[in-house]
């Protein structure tokens, strides 16, 4: 019996994964079809300008308002305070209003979740949708005034579901590494270091080389060699397998776009730039050295026959 239940549970889990992936893919494709304007909106909601996902910041506003509102709701019930009741209603409204941009940022992040996080990401989104619906109904009942007990019950039940959803959010970050940088960390080289024979780098064909076991993508165009970290910071995609256009590389996994000159983000979902390196050709070999992440950035190719 237990084996049968486990099989049924796993089967339902796979269906949930598939449903979540279908929704995620549909939203992502819609953003890409929207062109540059849609991508800029998505970038703002991803938090490319912030250095980490915007969703995490917005959830603090929502959770803080709803939890504080529940405290005042309880005070209003226990002490019969009209002032506490009004404060609880106001905070419930603030949390619900803030939940709109929070949900939008979550949906945009959901459109590019790593496949290994499909199940918790889908459950997290479903629970949050239910919670927002329950709080919306609670506000409607509060305004009517005749069903306050039902309104408060909905809010407190929503609080419990919100806690479960927050737990899933933690699982996604700390267990599944969603929203954290997957780029490899480089501590150099500070001195020029040869990484490849110059003749082996074909023009306009990206190539991955390794330095101390870490990947670097090389690309030659118009006599210049560019070098940035090859592991995408969003979810670890292989940039050397991505498409290159107009001096930018697009990750083949979730379509993050990086500038080859300095590894900076052109489009999300990535929120962290790639490591960047200066390059030069010396004695028939391509040499690189890491550029610190500060000041104006542009890859430089030098050449020498000495």
Foldseek 3Di string as FASTA:
>chain_A
DVVVVVVVVVVVLVVLLVVLLVLLQVVLVVLVVVPPVSQVVLQVLLQLVPLFGPLVVLVCLLLVLLVQLLVLVVCCVVVVDPVSPVSSLVSLVRNLVSVVSSLVSLSSLSSQWPSVLSRLSSLLNVLSVQLSVLSVVLNVVVVVVPPNVSSSVSSVVSNVSVVVSVVSVVCCCPPVVAGFFPFDDDPKDADWDFFFQLVPADAQQWDWTDDPRFTWIWHHDPRAIFIWGQQGGRRGAGQSPFDDDPQWTFGPRSGFIAHRFAQRTPGDNDNHGTWTWAWEAECRTIIIITDPPDDDTGHYYYYDND
